All heavy atoms as atom14 arrays in JSON, in Angstrom:
{
  "sequence": "LVFKAVQTYSNKEVVRWIEEQQEGQEEPETPAPVLELAAAEGDA",
  "atom14_mask": [
    [1, 1, 1, 1, 1, 1, 1, 1, 0, 0, 0, 0, 0, 0],
    [1, 1, 1, 1, 1, 1, 1, 0, 0, 0, 0, 0, 0, 0],
    [1, 1, 1, 1, 1, 1, 1, 1, 1, 1, 1, 0, 0, 0],
    [1, 1, 1, 1, 1, 1, 1, 1, 1, 0, 0, 0, 0, 0],
    [1, 1, 1, 1, 1, 0, 0, 0, 0, 0, 0, 0, 0, 0],
    [1, 1, 1, 1, 1, 1, 1, 0, 0, 0, 0, 0, 0, 0],
    [1, 1, 1, 1, 1, 1, 1, 1, 1, 0, 0, 0, 0, 0],
    [1, 1, 1, 1, 1, 1, 1, 0, 0, 0, 0, 0, 0, 0],
    [1, 1, 1, 1, 1, 1, 1, 1, 1, 1, 1, 1, 0, 0],
    [1, 1, 1, 1, 1, 1, 0, 0, 0, 0, 0, 0, 0, 0],
    [1, 1, 1, 1, 1, 1, 1, 1, 0, 0, 0, 0, 0, 0],
    [1, 1, 1, 1, 1, 1, 1, 1, 1, 0, 0, 0, 0, 0],
    [1, 1, 1, 1, 1, 1, 1, 1, 1, 0, 0, 0, 0, 0],
    [1, 1, 1, 1, 1, 1, 1, 0, 0, 0, 0, 0, 0, 0],
    [1, 1, 1, 1, 1, 1, 1, 0, 0, 0, 0, 0, 0, 0],
    [1, 1, 1, 1, 1, 1, 1, 1, 1, 1, 1, 0, 0, 0],
    [1, 1, 1, 1, 1, 1, 1, 1, 1, 1, 1, 1, 1, 1],
    [1, 1, 1, 1, 1, 1, 1, 1, 0, 0, 0, 0, 0, 0],
    [1, 1, 1, 1, 1, 1, 1, 1, 1, 0, 0, 0, 0, 0],
    [1, 1, 1, 1, 1, 1, 1, 1, 1, 0, 0, 0, 0, 0],
    [1, 1, 1, 1, 1, 1, 1, 1, 1, 0, 0, 0, 0, 0],
    [1, 1, 1, 1, 1, 1, 1, 1, 1, 0, 0, 0, 0, 0],
    [1, 1, 1, 1, 1, 1, 1, 1, 1, 0, 0, 0, 0, 0],
    [1, 1, 1, 1, 0, 0, 0, 0, 0, 0, 0, 0, 0, 0],
    [1, 1, 1, 1, 1, 1, 1, 1, 1, 0, 0, 0, 0, 0],
    [1, 1, 1, 1, 1, 1, 1, 1, 1, 0, 0, 0, 0, 0],
    [1, 1, 1, 1, 1, 1, 1, 1, 1, 0, 0, 0, 0, 0],
    [1, 1, 1, 1, 1, 1, 1, 0, 0, 0, 0, 0, 0, 0],
    [1, 1, 1, 1, 1, 1, 1, 1, 1, 0, 0, 0, 0, 0],
    [1, 1, 1, 1, 1, 1, 1, 0, 0, 0, 0, 0, 0, 0],
    [1, 1, 1, 1, 1, 1, 1, 0, 0, 0, 0, 0, 0, 0],
    [1, 1, 1, 1, 1, 0, 0, 0, 0, 0, 0, 0, 0, 0],
    [1, 1, 1, 1, 1, 1, 1, 0, 0, 0, 0, 0, 0, 0],
    [1, 1, 1, 1, 1, 1, 1, 0, 0, 0, 0, 0, 0, 0],
    [1, 1, 1, 1, 1, 1, 1, 1, 0, 0, 0, 0, 0, 0],
    [1, 1, 1, 1, 1, 1, 1, 1, 1, 0, 0, 0, 0, 0],
    [1, 1, 1, 1, 1, 1, 1, 1, 0, 0, 0, 0, 0, 0],
    [1, 1, 1, 1, 1, 0, 0, 0, 0, 0, 0, 0, 0, 0],
    [1, 1, 1, 1, 1, 0, 0, 0, 0, 0, 0, 0, 0, 0],
    [1, 1, 1, 1, 1, 0, 0, 0, 0, 0, 0, 0, 0, 0],
    [1, 1, 1, 1, 1, 1, 1, 1, 1, 0, 0, 0, 0, 0],
    [1, 1, 1, 1, 0, 0, 0, 0, 0, 0, 0, 0, 0, 0],
    [1, 1, 1, 1, 1, 1, 1, 1, 0, 0, 0, 0, 0, 0],
    [1, 1, 1, 1, 1, 0, 0, 0, 0, 0, 0, 0, 0, 0]
  ],
  "atom14_positions": [
    [[-0.17, -5.35, 7.08], [-1.53, -4.97, 6.73], [-1.51, -4.11, 5.47], [-0.67, -3.2, 5.38], [-2.24, -4.21, 7.85], [-2.52, -4.98, 9.16], [-3.13, -4.07, 10.2], [-3.42, -6.18, 8.89], [0.0, 0.0, 0.0], [0.0, 0.0, 0.0], [0.0, 0.0, 0.0], [0.0, 0.0, 0.0], [0.0, 0.0, 0.0], [0.0, 0.0, 0.0]],
    [[-2.37, -4.37, 4.55], [-2.45, -3.62, 3.26], [-3.66, -2.66, 3.33], [-4.77, -3.1, 3.61], [-2.57, -4.57, 2.08], [-2.67, -3.77, 0.78], [-1.36, -5.52, 2.04], [0.0, 0.0, 0.0], [0.0, 0.0, 0.0], [0.0, 0.0, 0.0], [0.0, 0.0, 0.0], [0.0, 0.0, 0.0], [0.0, 0.0, 0.0], [0.0, 0.0, 0.0]],
    [[-3.41, -1.39, 3.11], [-4.47, -0.36, 3.07], [-4.55, 0.2, 1.66], [-3.62, 0.86, 1.18], [-4.13, 0.75, 4.08], [-4.02, 0.32, 5.47], [-2.83, -0.15, 5.99], [-5.13, 0.39, 6.31], [-2.72, -0.53, 7.31], [-5.02, 0.0, 7.67], [-3.79, -0.49, 8.13], [0.0, 0.0, 0.0], [0.0, 0.0, 0.0], [0.0, 0.0, 0.0]],
    [[-5.64, -0.06, 0.96], [-5.8, 0.46, -0.37], [-6.35, 1.88, -0.29], [-7.34, 2.15, 0.4], [-6.74, -0.44, -1.19], [-6.16, -1.84, -1.39], [-7.0, -2.71, -2.25], [-6.34, -4.05, -2.49], [-7.12, -4.94, -3.37], [0.0, 0.0, 0.0], [0.0, 0.0, 0.0], [0.0, 0.0, 0.0], [0.0, 0.0, 0.0], [0.0, 0.0, 0.0]],
    [[-5.68, 2.82, -1.0], [-6.01, 4.24, -0.89], [-6.41, 4.8, -2.26], [-5.93, 4.37, -3.31], [-4.84, 5.0, -0.29], [0.0, 0.0, 0.0], [0.0, 0.0, 0.0], [0.0, 0.0, 0.0], [0.0, 0.0, 0.0], [0.0, 0.0, 0.0], [0.0, 0.0, 0.0], [0.0, 0.0, 0.0], [0.0, 0.0, 0.0], [0.0, 0.0, 0.0]],
    [[-7.24, 5.87, -2.17], [-7.69, 6.55, -3.38], [-7.44, 8.02, -3.17], [-7.99, 8.63, -2.21], [-9.18, 6.29, -3.7], [-9.59, 7.05, -4.98], [-9.42, 4.77, -3.88], [0.0, 0.0, 0.0], [0.0, 0.0, 0.0], [0.0, 0.0, 0.0], [0.0, 0.0, 0.0], [0.0, 0.0, 0.0], [0.0, 0.0, 0.0], [0.0, 0.0, 0.0]],
    [[-6.68, 8.64, -4.04], [-6.33, 10.06, -3.95], [-7.03, 10.84, -5.05], [-6.94, 10.5, -6.26], [-4.8, 10.21, -4.1], [-4.25, 11.62, -3.97], [-2.74, 11.67, -4.09], [-2.1, 10.67, -4.46], [-2.14, 12.75, -3.76], [0.0, 0.0, 0.0], [0.0, 0.0, 0.0], [0.0, 0.0, 0.0], [0.0, 0.0, 0.0], [0.0, 0.0, 0.0]],
    [[-7.71, 11.95, -4.65], [-8.5, 12.74, -5.6], [-7.9, 14.15, -5.65], [-7.61, 14.75, -4.62], [-9.95, 12.76, -5.22], [-10.47, 11.46, -5.15], [-10.77, 13.6, -6.28], [0.0, 0.0, 0.0], [0.0, 0.0, 0.0], [0.0, 0.0, 0.0], [0.0, 0.0, 0.0], [0.0, 0.0, 0.0], [0.0, 0.0, 0.0], [0.0, 0.0, 0.0]],
    [[-7.75, 14.66, -6.87], [-7.21, 16.02, -7.09], [-8.32, 17.02, -7.42], [-9.45, 16.64, -7.73], [-6.2, 15.99, -8.24], [-4.87, 15.33, -7.86], [-4.71, 13.94, -8.06], [-3.83, 16.02, -7.32], [-3.5, 13.34, -7.76], [-2.64, 15.43, -6.99], [-2.45, 14.08, -7.21], [-1.3, 13.51, -6.87], [0.0, 0.0, 0.0], [0.0, 0.0, 0.0]],
    [[-7.95, 18.29, -7.28], [-8.92, 19.36, -7.51], [-9.37, 19.41, -8.94], [-10.45, 19.99, -9.24], [-8.25, 20.71, -7.12], [-7.07, 20.93, -7.84], [0.0, 0.0, 0.0], [0.0, 0.0, 0.0], [0.0, 0.0, 0.0], [0.0, 0.0, 0.0], [0.0, 0.0, 0.0], [0.0, 0.0, 0.0], [0.0, 0.0, 0.0], [0.0, 0.0, 0.0]],
    [[-8.65, 18.82, -9.88], [-9.06, 18.79, -11.29], [-9.87, 17.54, -11.6], [-10.06, 17.16, -12.76], [-7.86, 18.89, -12.21], [-6.89, 17.74, -12.01], [-7.09, 16.86, -11.17], [-5.78, 17.79, -12.77], [0.0, 0.0, 0.0], [0.0, 0.0, 0.0], [0.0, 0.0, 0.0], [0.0, 0.0, 0.0], [0.0, 0.0, 0.0], [0.0, 0.0, 0.0]],
    [[-10.35, 16.83, -10.52], [-11.18, 15.62, -10.61], [-10.38, 14.38, -11.0], [-10.97, 13.31, -11.16], [-12.33, 15.81, -11.63], [-13.17, 17.03, -11.37], [-13.72, 17.06, -9.94], [-14.58, 18.31, -9.72], [-15.05, 18.39, -8.27], [0.0, 0.0, 0.0], [0.0, 0.0, 0.0], [0.0, 0.0, 0.0], [0.0, 0.0, 0.0], [0.0, 0.0, 0.0]],
    [[-9.08, 14.46, -11.11], [-8.26, 13.29, -11.4], [-8.23, 12.39, -10.19], [-8.13, 12.84, -9.08], [-6.84, 13.68, -11.79], [-5.94, 12.47, -12.07], [-4.48, 12.89, -12.32], [-4.16, 14.07, -12.22], [-3.67, 11.99, -12.59], [0.0, 0.0, 0.0], [0.0, 0.0, 0.0], [0.0, 0.0, 0.0], [0.0, 0.0, 0.0], [0.0, 0.0, 0.0]],
    [[-8.32, 11.07, -10.44], [-8.3, 10.1, -9.33], [-7.19, 9.09, -9.52], [-7.01, 8.55, -10.61], [-9.64, 9.33, -9.25], [-9.6, 8.28, -8.16], [-10.79, 10.32, -8.96], [0.0, 0.0, 0.0], [0.0, 0.0, 0.0], [0.0, 0.0, 0.0], [0.0, 0.0, 0.0], [0.0, 0.0, 0.0], [0.0, 0.0, 0.0], [0.0, 0.0, 0.0]],
    [[-6.38, 8.93, -8.51], [-5.27, 7.96, -8.51], [-5.56, 6.9, -7.48], [-5.77, 7.19, -6.32], [-3.9, 8.63, -8.23], [-2.8, 7.59, -8.3], [-3.64, 9.77, -9.2], [0.0, 0.0, 0.0], [0.0, 0.0, 0.0], [0.0, 0.0, 0.0], [0.0, 0.0, 0.0], [0.0, 0.0, 0.0], [0.0, 0.0, 0.0], [0.0, 0.0, 0.0]],
    [[-5.59, 5.64, -7.94], [-5.98, 4.52, -7.01], [-4.66, 3.75, -6.67], [-4.09, 3.06, -7.46], [-6.91, 3.57, -7.75], [-8.18, 4.3, -8.2], [-9.19, 3.34, -8.89], [-10.32, 4.07, -9.4], [-11.37, 4.45, -8.65], [-11.44, 4.1, -7.35], [-12.4, 5.07, -9.18], [0.0, 0.0, 0.0], [0.0, 0.0, 0.0], [0.0, 0.0, 0.0]],
    [[-4.29, 3.95, -5.38], [-3.12, 3.24, -4.87], [-3.61, 1.9, -4.27], [-3.79, 1.75, -3.05], [-2.48, 4.07, -3.78], [-2.05, 5.45, -4.29], [-2.75, 6.62, -4.17], [-0.86, 5.77, -4.96], [-2.06, 7.63, -4.75], [-0.9, 7.15, -5.27], [0.26, 5.02, -5.36], [0.13, 7.78, -5.94], [1.28, 5.68, -6.06], [1.21, 7.04, -6.32]],
    [[-3.84, 0.91, -5.12], [-4.49, -0.33, -4.7], [-3.75, -1.6, -5.18], [-4.2, -2.66, -4.83], [-5.95, -0.38, -5.25], [-5.94, -0.34, -6.8], [-6.76, 0.8, -4.7], [-7.31, -0.52, -7.42], [0.0, 0.0, 0.0], [0.0, 0.0, 0.0], [0.0, 0.0, 0.0], [0.0, 0.0, 0.0], [0.0, 0.0, 0.0], [0.0, 0.0, 0.0]],
    [[-2.66, -1.45, -5.86], [-1.93, -2.62, -6.38], [-1.1, -3.25, -5.27], [-0.32, -2.57, -4.62], [-1.1, -2.29, -7.55], [-1.83, -1.81, -8.79], [-0.95, -1.49, -9.96], [-0.68, -2.43, -10.74], [-0.5, -0.32, -10.05], [0.0, 0.0, 0.0], [0.0, 0.0, 0.0], [0.0, 0.0, 0.0], [0.0, 0.0, 0.0], [0.0, 0.0, 0.0]],
    [[-1.25, -4.55, -5.09], [-0.47, -5.25, -4.09], [0.86, -5.85, -4.68], [0.82, -6.29, -5.79], [-1.32, -6.39, -3.47], [-2.52, -5.87, -2.71], [-3.24, -6.97, -1.96], [-2.53, -7.81, -1.36], [-4.48, -6.99, -1.93], [0.0, 0.0, 0.0], [0.0, 0.0, 0.0], [0.0, 0.0, 0.0], [0.0, 0.0, 0.0], [0.0, 0.0, 0.0]],
    [[1.9, -5.74, -3.92], [3.18, -6.23, -4.35], [3.15, -7.73, -4.42], [2.74, -8.46, -3.5], [4.27, -5.8, -3.35], [5.65, -6.32, -3.67], [6.28, -5.7, -4.89], [6.32, -4.5, -4.98], [6.72, -6.52, -5.83], [0.0, 0.0, 0.0], [0.0, 0.0, 0.0], [0.0, 0.0, 0.0], [0.0, 0.0, 0.0], [0.0, 0.0, 0.0]],
    [[3.57, -8.29, -5.57], [3.66, -9.72, -5.78], [5.07, -10.18, -5.6], [6.05, -9.54, -6.07], [3.17, -10.12, -7.19], [1.76, -9.67, -7.5], [0.73, -10.31, -6.55], [0.84, -11.47, -6.19], [-0.27, -9.52, -6.14], [0.0, 0.0, 0.0], [0.0, 0.0, 0.0], [0.0, 0.0, 0.0], [0.0, 0.0, 0.0], [0.0, 0.0, 0.0]],
    [[5.27, -11.28, -4.85], [6.58, -11.77, -4.56], [7.36, -12.09, -5.83], [6.85, -12.75, -6.76], [6.48, -13.06, -3.7], [7.85, -13.52, -3.18], [7.7, -14.68, -2.25], [6.54, -15.08, -1.91], [8.76, -15.25, -1.8], [0.0, 0.0, 0.0], [0.0, 0.0, 0.0], [0.0, 0.0, 0.0], [0.0, 0.0, 0.0], [0.0, 0.0, 0.0]],
    [[8.6, -11.62, -5.89], [9.48, -11.9, -7.02], [9.25, -10.98, -8.23], [9.93, -11.15, -9.23], [0.0, 0.0, 0.0], [0.0, 0.0, 0.0], [0.0, 0.0, 0.0], [0.0, 0.0, 0.0], [0.0, 0.0, 0.0], [0.0, 0.0, 0.0], [0.0, 0.0, 0.0], [0.0, 0.0, 0.0], [0.0, 0.0, 0.0], [0.0, 0.0, 0.0]],
    [[8.34, -10.05, -8.09], [8.06, -9.11, -9.18], [8.44, -7.69, -8.81], [8.59, -7.34, -7.64], [6.57, -9.19, -9.58], [6.14, -10.54, -10.09], [4.72, -10.54, -10.59], [4.09, -9.5, -10.78], [4.17, -11.71, -10.8], [0.0, 0.0, 0.0], [0.0, 0.0, 0.0], [0.0, 0.0, 0.0], [0.0, 0.0, 0.0], [0.0, 0.0, 0.0]],
    [[8.55, -6.84, -9.84], [8.88, -5.45, -9.59], [7.73, -4.71, -8.91], [6.57, -5.15, -8.95], [9.2, -4.77, -10.96], [10.45, -5.25, -11.64], [10.78, -4.49, -12.9], [9.97, -3.58, -13.26], [11.78, -4.78, -13.53], [0.0, 0.0, 0.0], [0.0, 0.0, 0.0], [0.0, 0.0, 0.0], [0.0, 0.0, 0.0], [0.0, 0.0, 0.0]],
    [[8.06, -3.65, -8.26], [7.05, -2.85, -7.58], [6.03, -2.34, -8.59], [6.41, -1.82, -9.66], [7.65, -1.67, -6.83], [6.69, -0.9, -6.0], [7.35, 0.3, -5.3], [8.14, 0.96, -5.96], [7.05, 0.53, -4.12], [0.0, 0.0, 0.0], [0.0, 0.0, 0.0], [0.0, 0.0, 0.0], [0.0, 0.0, 0.0], [0.0, 0.0, 0.0]],
    [[4.74, -2.46, -8.28], [3.72, -1.96, -9.21], [3.76, -0.43, -9.33], [4.34, 0.24, -8.49], [2.4, -2.45, -8.6], [2.73, -2.68, -7.15], [4.15, -3.09, -7.11], [0.0, 0.0, 0.0], [0.0, 0.0, 0.0], [0.0, 0.0, 0.0], [0.0, 0.0, 0.0], [0.0, 0.0, 0.0], [0.0, 0.0, 0.0], [0.0, 0.0, 0.0]],
    [[3.1, 0.08, -10.34], [3.15, 1.53, -10.6], [2.4, 2.3, -9.53], [2.8, 3.39, -9.12], [2.53, 1.81, -11.98], [2.6, 3.25, -12.36], [2.06, 3.49, -13.77], [1.74, 2.51, -14.45], [1.94, 4.68, -14.16], [0.0, 0.0, 0.0], [0.0, 0.0, 0.0], [0.0, 0.0, 0.0], [0.0, 0.0, 0.0], [0.0, 0.0, 0.0]],
    [[1.26, 1.76, -9.03], [0.52, 2.44, -7.98], [0.3, 1.46, -6.84], [-0.79, 0.95, -6.66], [-0.86, 2.9, -8.56], [-1.51, 1.81, -9.15], [-0.66, 4.03, -9.56], [0.0, 0.0, 0.0], [0.0, 0.0, 0.0], [0.0, 0.0, 0.0], [0.0, 0.0, 0.0], [0.0, 0.0, 0.0], [0.0, 0.0, 0.0], [0.0, 0.0, 0.0]],
    [[1.36, 1.24, -6.03], [1.26, 0.26, -4.94], [0.39, 0.74, -3.81], [0.33, 1.96, -3.49], [2.7, 0.15, -4.5], [3.33, 1.43, -4.83], [2.7, 1.87, -6.1], [0.0, 0.0, 0.0], [0.0, 0.0, 0.0], [0.0, 0.0, 0.0], [0.0, 0.0, 0.0], [0.0, 0.0, 0.0], [0.0, 0.0, 0.0], [0.0, 0.0, 0.0]],
    [[-0.28, -0.21, -3.15], [-1.07, 0.12, -1.98], [-0.15, 0.33, -0.77], [0.88, -0.32, -0.65], [-2.06, -1.02, -1.7], [0.0, 0.0, 0.0], [0.0, 0.0, 0.0], [0.0, 0.0, 0.0], [0.0, 0.0, 0.0], [0.0, 0.0, 0.0], [0.0, 0.0, 0.0], [0.0, 0.0, 0.0], [0.0, 0.0, 0.0], [0.0, 0.0, 0.0]],
    [[-0.49, 1.22, 0.16], [0.29, 1.38, 1.34], [0.3, 0.1, 2.18], [-0.73, -0.56, 2.36], [-0.44, 2.5, 2.08], [-1.19, 3.23, 1.04], [-1.59, 2.18, 0.04], [0.0, 0.0, 0.0], [0.0, 0.0, 0.0], [0.0, 0.0, 0.0], [0.0, 0.0, 0.0], [0.0, 0.0, 0.0], [0.0, 0.0, 0.0], [0.0, 0.0, 0.0]],
    [[1.49, -0.26, 2.7], [1.67, -1.49, 3.48], [2.25, -1.16, 4.84], [3.27, -0.49, 4.95], [2.54, -2.5, 2.76], [2.77, -3.75, 3.62], [1.91, -2.9, 1.43], [0.0, 0.0, 0.0], [0.0, 0.0, 0.0], [0.0, 0.0, 0.0], [0.0, 0.0, 0.0], [0.0, 0.0, 0.0], [0.0, 0.0, 0.0], [0.0, 0.0, 0.0]],
    [[1.61, -1.64, 5.91], [2.11, -1.43, 7.27], [2.74, -2.73, 7.74], [2.12, -3.78, 7.85], [0.97, -1.09, 8.21], [1.32, -0.91, 9.69], [2.27, 0.25, 9.92], [0.07, -0.78, 10.57], [0.0, 0.0, 0.0], [0.0, 0.0, 0.0], [0.0, 0.0, 0.0], [0.0, 0.0, 0.0], [0.0, 0.0, 0.0], [0.0, 0.0, 0.0]],
    [[4.06, -2.67, 7.99], [4.81, -3.83, 8.46], [4.63, -3.93, 9.98], [4.75, -2.94, 10.71], [6.3, -3.7, 8.14], [6.59, -3.6, 6.63], [6.29, -4.87, 5.9], [6.22, -5.93, 6.56], [6.18, -4.81, 4.68], [0.0, 0.0, 0.0], [0.0, 0.0, 0.0], [0.0, 0.0, 0.0], [0.0, 0.0, 0.0], [0.0, 0.0, 0.0]],
    [[4.3, -5.13, 10.42], [4.06, -5.38, 11.87], [5.3, -5.98, 12.54], [5.9, -6.89, 12.0], [2.89, -6.31, 12.08], [1.55, -5.83, 11.44], [0.45, -6.81, 11.77], [1.19, -4.43, 11.98], [0.0, 0.0, 0.0], [0.0, 0.0, 0.0], [0.0, 0.0, 0.0], [0.0, 0.0, 0.0], [0.0, 0.0, 0.0], [0.0, 0.0, 0.0]],
    [[5.62, -5.46, 13.72], [6.78, -5.95, 14.47], [6.33, -7.11, 15.4], [5.15, -7.37, 15.53], [7.39, -4.83, 15.33], [0.0, 0.0, 0.0], [0.0, 0.0, 0.0], [0.0, 0.0, 0.0], [0.0, 0.0, 0.0], [0.0, 0.0, 0.0], [0.0, 0.0, 0.0], [0.0, 0.0, 0.0], [0.0, 0.0, 0.0], [0.0, 0.0, 0.0]],
    [[7.32, -7.82, 15.96], [7.01, -8.87, 16.87], [6.21, -8.38, 18.09], [6.35, -7.18, 18.46], [8.32, -9.53, 17.31], [0.0, 0.0, 0.0], [0.0, 0.0, 0.0], [0.0, 0.0, 0.0], [0.0, 0.0, 0.0], [0.0, 0.0, 0.0], [0.0, 0.0, 0.0], [0.0, 0.0, 0.0], [0.0, 0.0, 0.0], [0.0, 0.0, 0.0]],
    [[5.44, -9.22, 18.64], [4.64, -8.85, 19.82], [5.54, -8.35, 20.94], [6.68, -8.8, 21.09], [3.82, -10.04, 20.29], [0.0, 0.0, 0.0], [0.0, 0.0, 0.0], [0.0, 0.0, 0.0], [0.0, 0.0, 0.0], [0.0, 0.0, 0.0], [0.0, 0.0, 0.0], [0.0, 0.0, 0.0], [0.0, 0.0, 0.0], [0.0, 0.0, 0.0]],
    [[5.05, -7.41, 21.71], [5.87, -6.8, 22.78], [6.37, -7.82, 23.76], [7.49, -7.72, 24.27], [5.02, -5.76, 23.53], [4.68, -4.51, 22.7], [5.89, -3.68, 22.37], [6.89, -3.85, 23.05], [5.82, -2.88, 21.42], [0.0, 0.0, 0.0], [0.0, 0.0, 0.0], [0.0, 0.0, 0.0], [0.0, 0.0, 0.0], [0.0, 0.0, 0.0]],
    [[5.6, -8.88, 24.06], [6.01, -9.92, 25.01], [7.24, -10.65, 24.52], [8.12, -11.05, 25.3], [0.0, 0.0, 0.0], [0.0, 0.0, 0.0], [0.0, 0.0, 0.0], [0.0, 0.0, 0.0], [0.0, 0.0, 0.0], [0.0, 0.0, 0.0], [0.0, 0.0, 0.0], [0.0, 0.0, 0.0], [0.0, 0.0, 0.0], [0.0, 0.0, 0.0]],
    [[7.35, -10.83, 23.2], [8.52, -11.52, 22.64], [9.76, -10.67, 22.79], [10.84, -11.18, 22.96], [8.28, -11.83, 21.15], [7.11, -12.8, 20.97], [6.79, -13.48, 21.97], [6.57, -12.88, 19.85], [0.0, 0.0, 0.0], [0.0, 0.0, 0.0], [0.0, 0.0, 0.0], [0.0, 0.0, 0.0], [0.0, 0.0, 0.0], [0.0, 0.0, 0.0]],
    [[9.6, -9.37, 22.66], [10.75, -8.48, 22.67], [11.23, -8.18, 24.09], [12.39, -7.88, 24.31], [10.44, -7.18, 21.95], [0.0, 0.0, 0.0], [0.0, 0.0, 0.0], [0.0, 0.0, 0.0], [0.0, 0.0, 0.0], [0.0, 0.0, 0.0], [0.0, 0.0, 0.0], [0.0, 0.0, 0.0], [0.0, 0.0, 0.0], [0.0, 0.0, 0.0]]
  ]
}
């Protein structure tokens, strides 16, 4: 699951962590947080 995040600083600066990783490419400068999902409990 991809969660796009926006971080705001006290000096009003805003950093947008919204870039999605593209297969075969380098990691983007401001990547979006990604939650890796494990196999269903029944399978394990």
